[in-house]
Protein backbone atom coordinates (compact mmCIF):
# COMPACT_ATOMS: atom_id res chain seq x y z
CA MET A 1 0.00 0.00 0.00
CA THR A 2 1.36 3.41 -0.89
CA LYS A 3 1.82 6.07 1.77
CA ASP A 4 -0.87 8.25 0.16
CA ILE A 5 -3.43 5.46 0.41
CA ALA A 6 -2.30 4.45 3.92
CA ARG A 7 -2.99 7.99 5.18
CA GLY A 8 -6.67 7.36 4.51
CA PHE A 9 -6.70 4.58 7.10
CA VAL A 10 -4.98 6.38 10.01
CA PHE A 11 -7.97 6.06 12.34
CA THR A 12 -8.57 2.35 11.72
CA THR A 13 -8.16 0.58 15.05
CA ASP A 14 -7.53 -3.07 14.13
CA ALA A 15 -6.78 -5.40 11.22
CA THR A 16 -10.41 -6.45 10.75
CA SER A 17 -11.56 -2.85 10.51
CA LEU A 18 -8.73 -2.09 8.12
CA TRP A 19 -9.68 -4.95 5.77
CA GLU A 20 -13.36 -3.99 5.88
CA GLU A 21 -12.51 -0.37 5.07
CA ILE A 22 -10.20 -1.40 2.21
CA ASN A 23 -12.89 -3.70 0.81
CA GLU A 24 -15.50 -0.96 1.05
CA ARG A 25 -13.31 1.51 -0.85
CA PHE A 26 -11.58 -0.73 -3.35
CA GLY A 27 -13.58 -3.97 -3.35
CA LEU A 28 -15.91 -5.37 -5.98
CA TYR A 29 -18.81 -3.24 -4.80
CA ASN A 30 -18.06 0.26 -5.98
CA GLY A 31 -20.95 2.58 -5.14
CA PRO A 32 -19.66 5.71 -6.88
CA ARG A 33 -18.98 3.78 -10.10
CA LEU A 34 -22.47 2.22 -9.96
CA TYR A 35 -23.92 5.71 -9.67
CA ASP A 36 -21.88 6.94 -12.64
CA ILE A 37 -22.90 4.03 -14.85
CA ARG A 38 -26.59 4.41 -13.98
CA ARG A 39 -26.39 8.14 -14.68
CA MET A 40 -24.78 7.44 -18.08
CA ILE A 41 -27.46 4.86 -18.94
CA TYR A 42 -30.30 7.23 -18.01
CA SER A 43 -28.84 10.13 -19.97
CA ILE A 44 -27.54 8.29 -23.06
CA LYS A 45 -28.72 9.55 -26.44
CA GLN A 46 -28.25 8.06 -29.88
CA GLY A 47 -26.96 11.27 -31.41
CA PRO A 48 -25.04 10.69 -34.66
CA ASN A 49 -24.38 7.01 -33.81
CA SER A 50 -25.93 4.21 -35.84
CA ILE A 51 -28.47 1.97 -34.11
CA ALA A 52 -25.76 -0.70 -33.77
CA GLY A 53 -23.27 1.78 -32.30
CA TYR A 54 -25.91 3.14 -29.93
CA TYR A 55 -26.90 -0.36 -28.82
CA ASN A 56 -23.25 -1.37 -28.29
CA LYS A 57 -22.66 1.70 -26.12
CA ILE A 58 -25.68 0.87 -23.95
CA LYS A 59 -24.79 -2.84 -23.85
CA ARG A 60 -21.26 -2.07 -22.58
CA LEU A 61 -22.74 0.01 -19.77
CA TRP A 62 -25.29 -2.71 -18.91
CA ASP A 63 -22.54 -5.33 -18.84
CA GLU A 64 -20.33 -3.23 -16.59
CA LEU A 65 -23.29 -2.52 -14.31
CA ALA A 66 -24.06 -6.25 -14.07
CA CYS A 67 -20.44 -7.00 -13.13
CA LEU A 68 -20.40 -4.39 -10.38
CA LYS A 69 -23.73 -5.22 -8.74
CA PRO A 70 -23.21 -7.22 -5.55
CA VAL A 71 -24.70 -10.70 -5.36
CA LEU A 72 -26.55 -11.59 -2.16
CA ASN A 73 -27.31 -15.08 -0.97
CA GLY A 74 -30.85 -15.43 0.32
CA MET A 75 -31.91 -17.71 3.15
CA ASP A 76 -32.81 -20.34 0.57
CA GLY A 77 -29.24 -20.26 -0.78
CA GLU A 78 -30.39 -18.71 -4.04
CA GLU A 79 -28.25 -15.88 -5.36
CA LYS A 80 -30.00 -12.58 -5.84
CA VAL A 81 -28.57 -9.57 -7.68
CA MET A 82 -29.26 -6.20 -6.11
C-alpha cells in the first residue's frame, strides 16, 4: 500500500476494521462507479451514432453494471442480484 493510500486509514483501530474499510473503498462493490454508470445509462442519447453503435454503447454500460452489482445469498441459498 502506498503512503498516500495508507494515510486514509490512520484512524482504523484493528486489522479487521482495516480490511473492511479497504474492501469498502476498493472492493468489488463500488458505489460511486455504480452511480456513474446508472447516470450514463439514463442520460444516453443516440446522437449521430448508428443503431448498432448506440446499442453497443448501452450494452457495454449494462454489462459493466451487471459486473459491479453485488450478489446476495438469500436464506434459501439462491443468489440474488441487487
